[in-house]
PDB file of all heavy atoms in Angstrom:
ATOM      1  N   LEU A   1     177.723-143.888  51.616  1.00  0.00           N
ATOM      2  CA  LEU A   1     177.161-142.522  51.279  1.00  0.00           C
ATOM      3  C   LEU A   1     177.440-141.599  52.458  1.00  0.00           C
ATOM      4  O   LEU A   1     177.778-140.414  52.216  1.00  0.00           O
ATOM      5  CB  LEU A   1     175.673-142.639  50.998  1.00  0.00           C
ATOM      6  CG  LEU A   1     175.311-143.040  49.533  1.00  0.00           C
ATOM      7  CD1 LEU A   1     173.777-143.269  49.417  1.00  0.00           C
ATOM      8  CD2 LEU A   1     175.820-141.973  48.542  1.00  0.00           C
ATOM      9  N   ALA A   2     177.278-142.064  53.673  1.00  0.00           N
ATOM     10  CA  ALA A   2     177.487-141.283  54.887  1.00  0.00           C
ATOM     11  C   ALA A   2     178.903-140.771  54.939  1.00  0.00           C
ATOM     12  O   ALA A   2     179.208-139.561  55.094  1.00  0.00           O
ATOM     13  CB  ALA A   2     177.164-142.079  56.133  1.00  0.00           C
ATOM     14  N   GLY A   3     179.856-141.714  54.573  1.00  0.00           N
ATOM     15  CA  GLY A   3     181.237-141.341  54.540  1.00  0.00           C
ATOM     16  C   GLY A   3     181.565-140.236  53.487  1.00  0.00           C
ATOM     17  O   GLY A   3     182.356-139.367  53.672  1.00  0.00           O
ATOM     18  N   ARG A   4     180.819-140.382  52.355  1.00  0.00           N
ATOM     19  CA  ARG A   4     181.095-139.423  51.240  1.00  0.00           C
ATOM     20  C   ARG A   4     180.527-138.019  51.632  1.00  0.00           C
ATOM     21  O   ARG A   4     181.209-137.036  51.387  1.00  0.00           O
ATOM     22  CB  ARG A   4     180.391-139.888  49.972  1.00  0.00           C
ATOM     23  CG  ARG A   4     180.640-138.962  48.766  1.00  0.00           C
ATOM     24  CD  ARG A   4     180.492-139.692  47.475  1.00  0.00           C
ATOM     25  NE  ARG A   4     181.107-138.925  46.423  1.00  0.00           N
ATOM     26  CZ  ARG A   4     181.832-139.387  45.452  1.00  0.00           C
ATOM     27  NH1 ARG A   4     182.155-140.690  45.414  1.00  0.00           N
ATOM     28  NH2 ARG A   4     182.330-138.655  44.521  1.00  0.00           N
ATOM     29  N   ILE A   5     179.417-137.973  52.295  1.00  0.00           N
ATOM     30  CA  ILE A   5     178.877-136.682  52.700  1.00  0.00           C
ATOM     31  C   ILE A   5     179.880-136.010  53.707  1.00  0.00           C
ATOM     32  O   ILE A   5     180.055-134.837  53.604  1.00  0.00           O
ATOM     33  CB  ILE A   5     177.451-136.939  53.327  1.00  0.00           C
ATOM     34  CG1 ILE A   5     176.477-137.394  52.268  1.00  0.00           C
ATOM     35  CG2 ILE A   5     176.977-135.655  53.987  1.00  0.00           C
ATOM     36  CD1 ILE A   5     175.120-137.944  52.909  1.00  0.00           C
ATOM     37  N   SER A   6     180.329-136.797  54.628  1.00  0.00           N
ATOM     38  CA  SER A   6     181.254-136.277  55.650  1.00  0.00           C
ATOM     39  C   SER A   6     182.505-135.782  54.912  1.00  0.00           C
ATOM     40  O   SER A   6     183.037-134.717  55.253  1.00  0.00           O
ATOM     41  CB  SER A   6     181.560-137.340  56.686  1.00  0.00           C
ATOM     42  OG  SER A   6     182.506-136.848  57.592  1.00  0.00           O
ATOM     43  N   ASP A   7     183.072-136.663  54.027  1.00  0.00           N
ATOM     44  CA  ASP A   7     184.347-136.252  53.355  1.00  0.00           C
ATOM     45  C   ASP A   7     184.249-135.016  52.566  1.00  0.00           C
ATOM     46  O   ASP A   7     185.127-134.247  52.423  1.00  0.00           O
ATOM     47  CB  ASP A   7     184.823-137.466  52.404  1.00  0.00           C
ATOM     48  CG  ASP A   7     185.244-138.675  53.227  1.00  0.00           C
ATOM     49  OD1 ASP A   7     185.511-138.532  54.419  1.00  0.00           O
ATOM     50  OD2 ASP A   7     185.365-139.725  52.717  1.00  0.00           O
ATOM     51  N   ASP A   8     182.967-134.839  51.904  1.00  0.00           N
ATOM     52  CA  ASP A   8     182.768-133.622  51.133  1.00  0.00           C
ATOM     53  C   ASP A   8     182.498-132.374  51.921  1.00  0.00           C
ATOM     54  O   ASP A   8     182.332-131.255  51.451  1.00  0.00           O
ATOM     55  CB  ASP A   8     181.600-133.845  50.156  1.00  0.00           C
ATOM     56  CG  ASP A   8     182.039-134.716  48.927  1.00  0.00           C
ATOM     57  OD1 ASP A   8     183.217-134.813  48.658  1.00  0.00           O
ATOM     58  OD2 ASP A   8     181.088-135.222  48.287  1.00  0.00           O
ATOM     59  N   GLY A   9     182.397-132.567  53.270  1.00  0.00           N
ATOM     60  CA  GLY A   9     182.220-131.457  54.196  1.00  0.00           C
ATOM     61  C   GLY A   9     180.858-130.850  54.123  1.00  0.00           C
ATOM     62  O   GLY A   9     180.715-129.605  54.350  1.00  0.00           O
ATOM     63  N   ARG A  10     179.817-131.589  53.776  1.00  0.00           N
ATOM     64  CA  ARG A  10     178.512-131.056  53.685  1.00  0.00           C
ATOM     65  C   ARG A  10     177.734-131.112  55.050  1.00  0.00           C
ATOM     66  O   ARG A  10     177.892-132.037  55.697  1.00  0.00           O
ATOM     67  CB  ARG A  10     177.665-131.727  52.654  1.00  0.00           C
ATOM     68  CG  ARG A  10     178.226-131.709  51.240  1.00  0.00           C
ATOM     69  CD  ARG A  10     178.383-130.312  50.645  1.00  0.00           C
ATOM     70  NE  ARG A  10     179.703-129.780  51.011  1.00  0.00           N
ATOM     71  CZ  ARG A  10     180.103-128.615  50.747  1.00  0.00           C
ATOM     72  NH1 ARG A  10     179.261-127.681  50.372  1.00  0.00           N
ATOM     73  NH2 ARG A  10     181.344-128.173  51.055  1.00  0.00           N
ATOM     74  N   ALA A  11     176.834-130.048  55.300  1.00  0.00           N
ATOM     75  CA  ALA A  11     175.968-130.192  56.401  1.00  0.00           C
ATOM     76  C   ALA A  11     174.968-131.207  56.094  1.00  0.00           C
ATOM     77  O   ALA A  11     174.670-131.561  54.898  1.00  0.00           O
ATOM     78  CB  ALA A  11     175.295-128.862  56.608  1.00  0.00           C
ATOM     79  N   CYS A  12     174.324-131.880  57.077  1.00  0.00           N
ATOM     80  CA  CYS A  12     173.404-133.000  56.785  1.00  0.00           C
ATOM     81  C   CYS A  12     172.324-133.176  57.827  1.00  0.00           C
ATOM     82  O   CYS A  12     172.504-132.834  59.043  1.00  0.00           O
ATOM     83  CB  CYS A  12     174.303-134.340  56.803  1.00  0.00           C
ATOM     84  SG  CYS A  12     173.424-135.828  56.447  1.00  0.00           S
ATOM     85  N   VAL A  13     171.220-133.584  57.299  1.00  0.00           N
ATOM     86  CA  VAL A  13     170.045-134.027  58.204  1.00  0.00           C
ATOM     87  C   VAL A  13     169.698-135.491  57.697  1.00  0.00           C
ATOM     88  O   VAL A  13     169.530-135.671  56.509  1.00  0.00           O
ATOM     89  CB  VAL A  13     168.820-133.114  58.027  1.00  0.00           C
ATOM     90  CG1 VAL A  13     167.664-133.617  58.761  1.00  0.00           C
ATOM     91  CG2 VAL A  13     169.164-131.675  58.398  1.00  0.00           C
ATOM     92  N   ILE A  14     169.697-136.385  58.603  1.00  0.00           N
ATOM     93  CA  ILE A  14     169.329-137.739  58.371  1.00  0.00           C
ATOM     94  C   ILE A  14     167.789-137.867  58.424  1.00  0.00           C
ATOM     95  O   ILE A  14     167.223-137.644  59.439  1.00  0.00           O
ATOM     96  CB  ILE A  14     169.937-138.757  59.332  1.00  0.00           C
ATOM     97  CG1 ILE A  14     171.476-138.605  59.268  1.00  0.00           C
ATOM     98  CG2 ILE A  14     169.574-140.190  58.937  1.00  0.00           C
ATOM     99  CD1 ILE A  14     172.176-139.402  60.422  1.00  0.00           C
ATOM    100  N   VAL A  15     167.183-138.231  57.252  1.00  0.00           N
ATOM    101  CA  VAL A  15     165.747-138.343  57.219  1.00  0.00           C
ATOM    102  C   VAL A  15     165.365-139.761  57.094  1.00  0.00           C
ATOM    103  O   VAL A  15     165.609-140.433  56.048  1.00  0.00           O
ATOM    104  CB  VAL A  15     165.161-137.582  55.997  1.00  0.00           C
ATOM    105  CG1 VAL A  15     163.655-137.678  55.912  1.00  0.00           C
ATOM    106  CG2 VAL A  15     165.626-136.105  56.091  1.00  0.00           C
ATOM    107  N   VAL A  16     164.801-140.363  58.149  1.00  0.00           N
ATOM    108  CA  VAL A  16     164.406-141.794  58.180  1.00  0.00           C
ATOM    109  C   VAL A  16     162.942-141.802  57.621  1.00  0.00           C
ATOM    110  O   VAL A  16     161.984-141.539  58.364  1.00  0.00           O
ATOM    111  CB  VAL A  16     164.502-142.345  59.559  1.00  0.00           C
ATOM    112  CG1 VAL A  16     164.151-143.890  59.543  1.00  0.00           C
ATOM    113  CG2 VAL A  16     165.879-142.153  60.164  1.00  0.00           C
ATOM    114  N   ASN A  17     162.756-142.293  56.414  1.00  0.00           N
ATOM    115  CA  ASN A  17     161.452-142.228  55.730  1.00  0.00           C
ATOM    116  C   ASN A  17     160.770-143.619  55.956  1.00  0.00           C
ATOM    117  O   ASN A  17     161.349-144.578  56.420  1.00  0.00           O
ATOM    118  CB  ASN A  17     161.688-141.962  54.227  1.00  0.00           C
ATOM    119  CG  ASN A  17     160.364-141.739  53.466  1.00  0.00           C
ATOM    120  OD1 ASN A  17     159.372-141.242  54.121  1.00  0.00           O
ATOM    121  ND2 ASN A  17     160.310-142.044  52.257  1.00  0.00           N
ATOM    122  N   LYS A  18     159.526-143.595  55.620  1.00  0.00           N
ATOM    123  CA  LYS A  18     158.570-144.805  55.776  1.00  0.00           C
ATOM    124  C   LYS A  18     158.368-145.183  57.144  1.00  0.00           C
ATOM    125  O   LYS A  18     158.155-146.377  57.519  1.00  0.00           O
ATOM    126  CB  LYS A  18     159.083-145.963  54.922  1.00  0.00           C
ATOM    127  CG  LYS A  18     159.363-145.648  53.468  1.00  0.00           C
ATOM    128  CD  LYS A  18     159.832-146.829  52.685  1.00  0.00           C
ATOM    129  CE  LYS A  18     160.180-146.458  51.285  1.00  0.00           C
ATOM    130  NZ  LYS A  18     160.693-147.630  50.477  1.00  0.00           N
ATOM    131  N   TRP A  19     158.377-144.134  58.082  1.00  0.00           N
ATOM    132  CA  TRP A  19     158.203-144.428  59.538  1.00  0.00           C
ATOM    133  C   TRP A  19     156.740-144.953  59.856  1.00  0.00           C
ATOM    134  O   TRP A  19     156.597-145.590  60.753  1.00  0.00           O
ATOM    135  CB  TRP A  19     158.526-143.150  60.257  1.00  0.00           C
ATOM    136  CG  TRP A  19     158.573-143.287  61.792  1.00  0.00           C
ATOM    137  CD1 TRP A  19     157.840-142.690  62.695  1.00  0.00           C
ATOM    138  CD2 TRP A  19     159.414-144.200  62.522  1.00  0.00           C
ATOM    139  NE1 TRP A  19     158.139-143.108  63.952  1.00  0.00           N
ATOM    140  CE2 TRP A  19     159.155-144.039  63.887  1.00  0.00           C
ATOM    141  CE3 TRP A  19     160.398-145.206  62.097  1.00  0.00           C
ATOM    142  CZ2 TRP A  19     159.844-144.735  64.869  1.00  0.00           C
ATOM    143  CZ3 TRP A  19     161.063-145.826  63.147  1.00  0.00           C
ATOM    144  CH2 TRP A  19     160.836-145.660  64.456  1.00  0.00           C
ATOM    145  N   ASP A  20     155.857-144.657  58.946  1.00  0.00           N
ATOM    146  CA  ASP A  20     154.428-145.104  59.077  1.00  0.00           C
ATOM    147  C   ASP A  20     154.329-146.639  58.991  1.00  0.00           C
ATOM    148  O   ASP A  20     153.353-147.214  59.467  1.00  0.00           O
ATOM    149  CB  ASP A  20     153.547-144.437  58.094  1.00  0.00           C
ATOM    150  CG  ASP A  20     153.985-144.731  56.641  1.00  0.00           C
ATOM    151  OD1 ASP A  20     155.154-144.413  56.334  1.00  0.00           O
ATOM    152  OD2 ASP A  20     153.261-145.334  55.881  1.00  0.00           O
ATOM    153  N   ALA A  21     155.366-147.273  58.305  1.00  0.00           N
ATOM    154  CA  ALA A  21     155.326-148.723  58.077  1.00  0.00           C
ATOM    155  C   ALA A  21     155.912-149.507  59.257  1.00  0.00           C
ATOM    156  O   ALA A  21     155.859-150.725  59.253  1.00  0.00           O
ATOM    157  CB  ALA A  21     156.015-149.102  56.833  1.00  0.00           C
ATOM    158  N   ILE A  22     156.364-148.850  60.334  1.00  0.00           N
ATOM    159  CA  ILE A  22     157.038-149.472  61.401  1.00  0.00           C
ATOM    160  C   ILE A  22     156.110-149.630  62.627  1.00  0.00           C
ATOM    161  O   ILE A  22     155.409-148.632  62.977  1.00  0.00           O
ATOM    162  CB  ILE A  22     158.310-148.742  61.921  1.00  0.00           C
ATOM    163  CG1 ILE A  22     159.273-148.567  60.697  1.00  0.00           C
ATOM    164  CG2 ILE A  22     158.952-149.409  63.089  1.00  0.00           C
ATOM    165  CD1 ILE A  22     159.844-149.912  60.245  1.00  0.00           C
ATOM    166  N   GLU A  23     155.957-150.806  63.214  1.00  0.00           N
ATOM    167  CA  GLU A  23     155.155-151.019  64.413  1.00  0.00           C
ATOM    168  C   GLU A  23     155.897-150.379  65.609  1.00  0.00           C
ATOM    169  O   GLU A  23     157.063-150.609  65.738  1.00  0.00           O
ATOM    170  CB  GLU A  23     154.883-152.479  64.650  1.00  0.00           C
ATOM    171  CG  GLU A  23     154.029-153.068  63.624  1.00  0.00           C
ATOM    172  CD  GLU A  23     153.685-154.601  63.917  1.00  0.00           C
ATOM    173  OE1 GLU A  23     154.048-155.011  65.042  1.00  0.00           O
ATOM    174  OE2 GLU A  23     153.080-155.238  63.110  1.00  0.00           O
ATOM    175  N   LYS A  24     155.208-149.609  66.435  1.00  0.00           N
ATOM    176  CA  LYS A  24     155.890-148.770  67.374  1.00  0.00           C
ATOM    177  C   LYS A  24     155.292-149.045  68.848  1.00  0.00           C
ATOM    178  O   LYS A  24     154.088-149.360  68.907  1.00  0.00           O
ATOM    179  CB  LYS A  24     155.796-147.334  67.082  1.00  0.00           C
ATOM    180  CG  LYS A  24     156.145-147.029  65.634  1.00  0.00           C
ATOM    181  CD  LYS A  24     155.829-145.552  65.311  1.00  0.00           C
ATOM    182  CE  LYS A  24     155.942-145.244  63.829  1.00  0.00           C
ATOM    183  NZ  LYS A  24     154.960-146.059  63.051  1.00  0.00           N
ATOM    184  N   ASP A  25     156.133-148.684  69.799  1.00  0.00           N
ATOM    185  CA  ASP A  25     155.729-148.549  71.160  1.00  0.00           C
ATOM    186  C   ASP A  25     156.360-147.272  71.755  1.00  0.00           C
ATOM    187  O   ASP A  25     156.992-146.533  71.022  1.00  0.00           O
ATOM    188  CB  ASP A  25     155.936-149.810  72.033  1.00  0.00           C
ATOM    189  CG  ASP A  25     157.453-150.146  72.082  1.00  0.00           C
ATOM    190  OD1 ASP A  25     158.287-149.201  72.027  1.00  0.00           O
ATOM    191  OD2 ASP A  25     157.757-151.341  72.220  1.00  0.00           O
ATOM    192  N   THR A  26     156.352-147.093  72.998  1.00  0.00           N
ATOM    193  CA  THR A  26     156.870-145.860  73.625  1.00  0.00           C
ATOM    194  C   THR A  26     158.318-145.694  73.366  1.00  0.00           C
ATOM    195  O   THR A  26     158.807-144.573  73.221  1.00  0.00           O
ATOM    196  CB  THR A  26     156.608-145.893  75.164  1.00  0.00           C
ATOM    197  OG1 THR A  26     155.209-146.099  75.339  1.00  0.00           O
ATOM    198  CG2 THR A  26     156.993-144.626  75.797  1.00  0.00           C
ATOM    199  N   TYR A  27     159.097-146.792  73.267  1.00  0.00           N
ATOM    200  CA  TYR A  27     160.519-146.678  73.219  1.00  0.00           C
ATOM    201  C   TYR A  27     161.075-146.932  71.802  1.00  0.00           C
ATOM    202  O   TYR A  27     162.320-146.916  71.603  1.00  0.00           O
ATOM    203  CB  TYR A  27     161.166-147.651  74.155  1.00  0.00           C
ATOM    204  CG  TYR A  27     160.747-147.540  75.583  1.00  0.00           C
ATOM    205  CD1 TYR A  27     159.745-148.387  76.154  1.00  0.00           C
ATOM    206  CD2 TYR A  27     161.267-146.486  76.406  1.00  0.00           C
ATOM    207  CE1 TYR A  27     159.303-148.184  77.443  1.00  0.00           C
ATOM    208  CE2 TYR A  27     160.816-146.367  77.696  1.00  0.00           C
ATOM    209  CZ  TYR A  27     159.927-147.156  78.206  1.00  0.00           C
ATOM    210  OH  TYR A  27     159.481-147.041  79.547  1.00  0.00           O
ATOM    211  N   THR A  28     160.254-147.147  70.841  1.00  0.00           N
ATOM    212  CA  THR A  28     160.721-147.580  69.528  1.00  0.00           C
ATOM    213  C   THR A  28     161.624-146.533  68.885  1.00  0.00           C
ATOM    214  O   THR A  28     162.711-146.934  68.407  1.00  0.00           O
ATOM    215  CB  THR A  28     159.462-147.808  68.606  1.00  0.00           C
ATOM    216  OG1 THR A  28     158.612-148.831  69.124  1.00  0.00           O
ATOM    217  CG2 THR A  28     159.946-148.224  67.193  1.00  0.00           C
ATOM    218  N   ILE A  29     161.177-145.311  68.910  1.00  0.00           N
ATOM    219  CA  ILE A  29     162.016-144.273  68.198  1.00  0.00           C
ATOM    220  C   ILE A  29     163.363-144.060  68.819  1.00  0.00           C
ATOM    221  O   ILE A  29     164.364-143.833  68.137  1.00  0.00           O
ATOM    222  CB  ILE A  29     161.224-142.938  68.182  1.00  0.00           C
ATOM    223  CG1 ILE A  29     161.822-141.979  67.073  1.00  0.00           C
ATOM    224  CG2 ILE A  29     161.158-142.231  69.525  1.00  0.00           C
ATOM    225  CD1 ILE A  29     160.950-140.860  66.760  1.00  0.00           C
ATOM    226  N   LEU A  30     163.403-144.180  70.197  1.00  0.00           N
ATOM    227  CA  LEU A  30     164.758-144.098  70.873  1.00  0.00           C
ATOM    228  C   LEU A  30     165.631-145.251  70.549  1.00  0.00           C
ATOM    229  O   LEU A  30     166.865-145.067  70.234  1.00  0.00           O
ATOM    230  CB  LEU A  30     164.467-143.975  72.373  1.00  0.00           C
ATOM    231  CG  LEU A  30     163.702-142.738  72.881  1.00  0.00           C
ATOM    232  CD1 LEU A  30     163.493-142.878  74.397  1.00  0.00           C
ATOM    233  CD2 LEU A  30     164.469-141.451  72.520  1.00  0.00           C
ATOM    234  N   ASP A  31     165.077-146.461  70.573  1.00  0.00           N
ATOM    235  CA  ASP A  31     165.919-147.634  70.328  1.00  0.00           C
ATOM    236  C   ASP A  31     166.336-147.658  68.819  1.00  0.00           C
ATOM    237  O   ASP A  31     167.445-147.966  68.479  1.00  0.00           O
ATOM    238  CB  ASP A  31     165.060-148.875  70.606  1.00  0.00           C
ATOM    239  CG  ASP A  31     164.864-149.092  72.084  1.00  0.00           C
ATOM    240  OD1 ASP A  31     165.514-148.424  72.861  1.00  0.00           O
ATOM    241  OD2 ASP A  31     163.869-149.796  72.415  1.00  0.00           O
ATOM    242  N   PHE A  32     165.373-147.198  67.955  1.00  0.00           N
ATOM    243  CA  PHE A  32     165.690-147.164  66.508  1.00  0.00           C
ATOM    244  C   PHE A  32     166.835-146.205  66.223  1.00  0.00           C
ATOM    245  O   PHE A  32     167.752-146.485  65.481  1.00  0.00           O
ATOM    246  CB  PHE A  32     164.406-146.762  65.801  1.00  0.00           C
ATOM    247  CG  PHE A  32     164.262-147.494  64.486  1.00  0.00           C
ATOM    248  CD1 PHE A  32     163.563-148.682  64.344  1.00  0.00           C
ATOM    249  CD2 PHE A  32     164.705-146.941  63.228  1.00  0.00           C
ATOM    250  CE1 PHE A  32     163.396-149.374  63.163  1.00  0.00           C
ATOM    251  CE2 PHE A  32     164.598-147.584  62.053  1.00  0.00           C
ATOM    252  CZ  PHE A  32     163.866-148.756  61.968  1.00  0.00           C
ATOM    253  N   GLU A  33     166.754-145.015  66.808  1.00  0.00           N
ATOM    254  CA  GLU A  33     167.750-144.017  66.603  1.00  0.00           C
ATOM    255  C   GLU A  33     169.073-144.488  67.015  1.00  0.00           C
ATOM    256  O   GLU A  33     170.155-144.275  66.430  1.00  0.00           O
ATOM    257  CB  GLU A  33     167.405-142.705  67.261  1.00  0.00           C
ATOM    258  CG  GLU A  33     168.489-141.630  67.035  1.00  0.00           C
ATOM    259  CD  GLU A  33     168.044-140.216  67.484  1.00  0.00           C
ATOM    260  OE1 GLU A  33     166.872-140.156  67.971  1.00  0.00           O
ATOM    261  OE2 GLU A  33     168.873-139.294  67.418  1.00  0.00           O
ATOM    262  N   LYS A  34     169.157-145.187  68.220  1.00  0.00           N
ATOM    263  CA  LYS A  34     170.410-145.701  68.702  1.00  0.00           C
ATOM    264  C   LYS A  34     171.073-146.722  67.733  1.00  0.00           C
ATOM    265  O   LYS A  34     172.225-146.601  67.490  1.00  0.00           O
ATOM    266  CB  LYS A  34     170.155-146.333  70.070  1.00  0.00           C
ATOM    267  CG  LYS A  34     171.383-146.844  70.804  1.00  0.00           C
ATOM    268  CD  LYS A  34     171.099-147.358  72.157  1.00  0.00           C
ATOM    269  CE  LYS A  34     172.343-147.845  72.880  1.00  0.00           C
ATOM    270  NZ  LYS A  34     172.010-148.445  74.205  1.00  0.00           N
TER     271      LYS A  34
END
């Protein structure tokens, strides 16, 4: 799907949903995004 969005030339925002269900610490969001 990511490839299709890029091929179609659309602007995009990646929305990572259900973040409330993830156990977190100070570095979780940085490591997750990487």
